[in-house]
Amino acid sequence: MAGDLPPVPALNPARQWKRGDDKGFAQPFLVRMLFSCLVDADFGETERFYAEARSEPMDRGRYCDLATLRDRLPSHLAAKRAKADPTPINALRAEVLDHAIARAALPPGLFTLTVPTGGGKTLASLSFALEHAVRHGLRRVVYVSPFTSIIEQTAQVFRNALSTEDGILEHHVSFDWDAARTAREADGEEGADGLGKLRRAAENWDVPIVVTTAVQFIHSLFANRTSRCRSCTTFS
C-alpha cells in the first residue's frame, strides 16, 4: 500500500530549475516526466493489489545495484588485458579505456567518444557509464544504439563482462522473449524465471542497465500511450 502524500512544501523541487527562453520543449517535457511517474505508480499499485489478492509475490526489482556491477568490471578487463598480445592496437585500446574512466569524475553533462571500429568503445563506454553513475548517485545506465544487430551484440558483451543475465534488459522490437525462455530452460539455467522479471521490467525500465534502440528510446520520451510513457520514469 502507498503511504500518505507528503505535505505540499515537501513537494517543492530540491533545486532551482534553469529557465531558458525556449519553453516549447522544456515545460512539456517536465509535464511528461511528472505524468510518467503518476502512470507508473498507478500501474504498480494495481499490480500490487492483484498480487496480494492472489497471495502471489511481487517479482520486481531486487537487482544488483550499479556499484556492484561496476566492481565486477575491473576483473573482467584485467583478464582481457592479461591475454591480449602487446600490439600497438591493444595499447591504444587500453589508452582509450583509461582515458574514459578518468573522465567519469567530471560533472554530469554531454560527453563524446570518437574511436574507430575495433578501438574498444563498447567496454570503454560501459566503464565510463558505470563509474560516472556511481560517483554521481545515478540509478541506471541506458545504452542507446541505432541498429538491432549492434544491440544484441552489445547486450551479450555486457552480460559477459558483468557476469549477470538479469541485471541487463535488452529491449527492442525483435527480441523474442519466448525463444529466450525456451533456450534458458533447455540449457537448465536458473535464469529462466529471471527472464520473466526482465520482461516485466521492460514495461518501465526498472533495471540497472537498459540496452535499447533509438526507436524504443524515442517512443519512451514522446509516445502518446500511457503504457509507453512508463519508462520515462527512468529519466525523471
Protein backbone atom coordinates (compact mmCIF):
# COMPACT_ATOMS: atom_id res chain seq x y z
CA MET A 1 0.00 0.00 0.00
CA ALA A 2 1.19 3.51 -0.78
CA GLY A 3 1.72 5.84 2.16
CA ASP A 4 0.18 9.23 2.77
CA LEU A 5 1.14 12.07 0.48
CA PRO A 6 3.83 14.36 1.88
CA PRO A 7 2.94 17.94 2.84
CA VAL A 8 2.83 20.43 -0.01
CA PRO A 9 6.10 22.23 0.92
CA ALA A 10 7.93 18.90 0.71
CA LEU A 11 6.85 18.56 -2.93
CA ASN A 12 8.85 21.62 -3.96
CA PRO A 13 11.96 20.73 -6.00
CA ALA A 14 15.20 20.46 -4.07
CA ARG A 15 17.00 22.62 -6.61
CA GLN A 16 16.04 25.56 -8.77
CA TRP A 17 15.13 24.83 -12.36
CA LYS A 18 17.06 26.70 -15.02
CA ARG A 19 14.54 28.63 -17.03
CA GLY A 20 15.55 29.24 -20.64
CA ASP A 21 13.95 31.26 -23.38
CA ASP A 22 12.78 28.16 -25.25
CA LYS A 23 9.77 26.92 -23.28
CA GLY A 24 8.35 24.90 -26.16
CA PHE A 25 10.28 21.80 -25.14
CA ALA A 26 11.35 22.16 -21.52
CA GLN A 27 7.95 22.69 -19.93
CA PRO A 28 6.09 19.94 -21.87
CA PHE A 29 8.98 17.59 -21.15
CA LEU A 30 8.72 18.31 -17.42
CA VAL A 31 4.98 17.61 -17.57
CA ARG A 32 5.67 14.31 -19.34
CA MET A 33 8.15 13.31 -16.64
CA LEU A 34 5.60 14.02 -13.91
CA PHE A 35 2.90 12.21 -15.87
CA SER A 36 5.13 9.16 -16.30
CA CYS A 37 5.68 8.98 -12.54
CA LEU A 38 1.93 9.13 -11.94
CA VAL A 39 1.17 6.48 -14.58
CA ASP A 40 3.89 4.12 -13.37
CA ALA A 41 2.73 4.48 -9.77
CA ASP A 42 -0.84 3.70 -10.85
CA PHE A 43 0.21 0.60 -12.80
CA GLY A 44 2.45 -0.52 -9.93
CA GLU A 45 -0.25 -0.18 -7.28
CA THR A 46 -2.74 -2.06 -9.45
CA GLU A 47 -0.25 -4.87 -9.97
CA ARG A 48 0.49 -4.98 -6.23
CA PHE A 49 -3.22 -5.10 -5.36
CA TYR A 50 -3.89 -8.10 -7.58
CA ALA A 51 -0.72 -9.86 -6.45
CA GLU A 52 -1.81 -9.55 -2.82
CA ALA A 53 -5.33 -10.71 -3.72
CA ARG A 54 -3.86 -13.87 -5.27
CA SER A 55 -1.27 -14.26 -2.50
CA GLU A 56 1.50 -14.02 -5.08
CA PRO A 57 4.85 -12.27 -4.58
CA MET A 58 5.68 -9.07 -6.46
CA ASP A 59 8.51 -10.28 -8.65
CA ARG A 60 10.08 -6.92 -9.44
CA GLY A 61 13.31 -5.19 -8.56
CA ARG A 62 15.94 -6.80 -6.32
CA TYR A 63 18.67 -6.49 -8.93
CA CYS A 64 22.34 -5.86 -8.26
CA ASP A 65 22.98 -2.16 -7.85
CA LEU A 66 25.26 -0.23 -10.18
CA ALA A 67 28.09 -0.16 -7.65
CA THR A 68 28.14 -3.96 -7.52
CA LEU A 69 28.15 -4.21 -11.30
CA ARG A 70 30.89 -1.59 -11.56
CA ASP A 71 33.07 -3.51 -9.12
CA ARG A 72 32.77 -6.66 -11.25
CA LEU A 73 34.06 -4.99 -14.38
CA PRO A 74 37.76 -4.41 -13.48
CA SER A 75 38.48 -8.12 -13.06
CA HIS A 76 36.99 -8.84 -16.50
CA LEU A 77 39.05 -6.05 -18.06
CA ALA A 78 42.21 -7.19 -16.26
CA ALA A 79 41.73 -10.72 -17.62
CA LYS A 80 41.35 -9.37 -21.16
CA ARG A 81 44.50 -7.27 -20.81
CA ALA A 82 46.46 -10.23 -19.48
CA LYS A 83 45.51 -12.32 -22.53
CA ALA A 84 45.99 -9.53 -25.08
CA ASP A 85 49.12 -9.51 -27.22
CA PRO A 86 51.41 -6.48 -26.71
CA THR A 87 50.48 -4.87 -30.04
CA PRO A 88 50.13 -1.15 -30.79
CA ILE A 89 46.37 -1.60 -31.31
CA ASN A 90 45.91 -3.19 -27.88
CA ALA A 91 47.99 -0.43 -26.34
CA LEU A 92 45.66 2.14 -27.89
CA ARG A 93 42.60 0.24 -26.67
CA ALA A 94 44.00 0.33 -23.13
CA GLU A 95 44.68 4.05 -23.51
CA VAL A 96 41.09 4.70 -24.65
CA LEU A 97 39.74 2.74 -21.68
CA ASP A 98 41.90 4.54 -19.13
CA HIS A 99 41.02 7.91 -20.65
CA ALA A 100 37.28 7.18 -20.46
CA ILE A 101 37.41 6.01 -16.84
CA ALA A 102 39.45 9.06 -15.83
CA ARG A 103 36.72 11.37 -17.17
CA ALA A 104 33.99 9.69 -15.09
CA ALA A 105 34.66 12.06 -12.18
CA LEU A 106 33.62 15.09 -14.24
CA PRO A 107 30.21 16.67 -13.52
CA PRO A 108 27.24 15.20 -15.43
CA GLY A 109 26.79 16.61 -18.91
CA LEU A 110 27.38 15.72 -22.54
CA PHE A 111 30.43 13.64 -23.44
CA THR A 112 31.71 12.29 -26.74
CA LEU A 113 34.00 9.37 -27.53
CA THR A 114 35.27 9.22 -31.11
CA VAL A 115 37.17 6.00 -31.72
CA PRO A 116 37.48 3.90 -34.92
CA THR A 117 35.86 0.48 -35.22
CA GLY A 118 37.72 -2.06 -33.10
CA GLY A 119 39.04 0.54 -30.70
CA GLY A 120 37.27 -0.83 -27.64
CA LYS A 121 34.39 1.66 -27.42
CA THR A 122 31.87 -0.84 -26.04
CA LEU A 123 33.68 -1.68 -22.82
CA ALA A 124 35.24 1.77 -22.51
CA SER A 125 31.82 3.43 -22.66
CA LEU A 126 30.38 0.90 -20.20
CA SER A 127 33.28 1.52 -17.80
CA PHE A 128 32.72 5.27 -18.01
CA ALA A 129 28.95 4.99 -17.62
CA LEU A 130 29.08 2.77 -14.53
CA GLU A 131 31.80 4.79 -12.83
CA HIS A 132 30.09 8.08 -13.68
CA ALA A 133 26.69 6.85 -12.48
CA VAL A 134 28.03 5.55 -9.17
CA ARG A 135 30.06 8.68 -8.47
CA HIS A 136 27.06 10.94 -9.04
CA GLY A 137 24.35 8.82 -7.44
CA LEU A 138 22.54 7.95 -10.66
CA ARG A 139 20.18 4.96 -10.72
CA ARG A 140 20.73 3.28 -14.08
CA VAL A 141 22.54 3.25 -17.40
CA VAL A 142 20.60 3.43 -20.68
CA TYR A 143 22.65 2.40 -23.72
CA VAL A 144 21.04 3.51 -27.00
CA SER A 145 22.15 2.30 -30.42
CA PRO A 146 20.57 2.72 -33.87
CA PHE A 147 20.74 -0.90 -35.07
CA THR A 148 19.24 -4.07 -33.61
CA SER A 149 22.25 -6.17 -34.59
CA ILE A 150 24.53 -3.91 -32.56
CA ILE A 151 22.13 -4.04 -29.60
CA GLU A 152 22.18 -7.84 -29.46
CA GLN A 153 25.98 -7.95 -29.63
CA THR A 154 26.39 -5.17 -27.07
CA ALA A 155 23.97 -6.73 -24.59
CA GLN A 156 25.85 -10.02 -24.72
CA VAL A 157 29.20 -8.28 -24.21
CA PHE A 158 27.75 -6.53 -21.15
CA ARG A 159 26.37 -9.78 -19.73
CA ASN A 160 29.74 -11.49 -20.09
CA ALA A 161 31.66 -8.56 -18.66
CA LEU A 162 29.39 -8.11 -15.63
CA SER A 163 28.56 -11.79 -15.01
CA THR A 164 24.82 -11.15 -14.96
CA GLU A 165 21.81 -12.18 -17.02
CA ASP A 166 19.03 -10.46 -15.11
CA GLY A 167 20.67 -7.09 -14.47
CA ILE A 168 20.67 -6.13 -18.15
CA LEU A 169 17.49 -5.51 -20.13
CA GLU A 170 17.77 -5.97 -23.89
CA HIS A 171 14.74 -4.09 -25.18
CA HIS A 172 13.94 -3.91 -28.88
CA VAL A 173 11.05 -4.95 -31.07
CA SER A 174 12.64 -8.13 -32.44
CA PHE A 175 13.68 -9.63 -29.09
CA ASP A 176 11.87 -12.97 -28.75
CA TRP A 177 11.05 -13.47 -25.07
CA ASP A 178 9.52 -16.91 -25.57
CA ALA A 179 12.53 -18.17 -27.53
CA ALA A 180 14.89 -16.81 -24.89
CA ARG A 181 12.95 -18.57 -22.12
CA THR A 182 12.93 -21.84 -24.06
CA ALA A 183 16.69 -21.60 -24.62
CA ARG A 184 17.38 -20.99 -20.94
CA GLU A 185 15.16 -23.85 -19.87
CA ALA A 186 16.79 -26.18 -22.40
CA ASP A 187 20.21 -25.28 -21.02
CA GLY A 188 18.98 -25.92 -17.49
CA GLU A 189 19.67 -22.34 -16.49
CA GLU A 190 18.11 -20.99 -13.32
CA GLY A 191 17.76 -17.67 -15.13
CA ALA A 192 14.62 -18.81 -16.94
CA ASP A 193 12.46 -17.40 -14.13
CA GLY A 194 14.52 -14.20 -14.07
CA LEU A 195 13.65 -13.66 -17.71
CA GLY A 196 10.02 -13.18 -16.72
CA LYS A 197 11.08 -10.48 -14.29
CA LEU A 198 13.07 -8.79 -17.04
CA ARG A 199 10.03 -8.90 -19.29
CA ARG A 200 8.06 -7.01 -16.66
CA ALA A 201 10.98 -4.60 -16.24
CA ALA A 202 10.65 -3.75 -19.94
CA GLU A 203 7.38 -2.03 -19.04
CA ASN A 204 9.11 0.73 -17.08
CA TRP A 205 12.86 0.03 -17.47
CA ASP A 206 13.20 -0.71 -13.77
CA VAL A 207 16.56 -2.45 -14.14
CA PRO A 208 20.19 -1.26 -13.64
CA ILE A 209 21.25 -1.37 -17.31
CA VAL A 210 18.99 -0.96 -20.35
CA VAL A 211 20.31 -1.70 -23.83
CA THR A 212 17.84 -0.44 -26.40
CA THR A 213 17.36 1.01 -29.86
CA ALA A 214 16.89 4.64 -30.77
CA VAL A 215 13.28 3.86 -31.78
CA GLN A 216 12.41 2.45 -28.35
CA PHE A 217 14.18 5.35 -26.68
CA ILE A 218 12.25 7.95 -28.67
CA HIS A 219 8.98 6.12 -28.05
CA SER A 220 9.60 6.25 -24.31
CA LEU A 221 10.05 10.01 -24.49
CA PHE A 222 7.38 11.05 -26.98
CA ALA A 223 4.76 8.30 -27.27
CA ASN A 224 1.13 9.21 -26.59
CA ARG A 225 0.14 5.97 -24.82
CA THR A 226 0.26 5.61 -21.05
CA SER A 227 2.00 2.22 -21.16
CA ARG A 228 4.75 3.64 -23.36
CA CYS A 229 5.24 6.61 -21.05
CA ARG A 230 6.07 4.44 -18.04
CA SER A 231 9.73 4.15 -18.97
CA CYS A 232 10.01 7.95 -18.76
CA THR A 233 10.37 7.43 -15.00
CA THR A 234 13.90 6.30 -15.85
CA PHE A 235 14.81 9.91 -16.70
CA SER A 236 12.78 11.69 -14.03
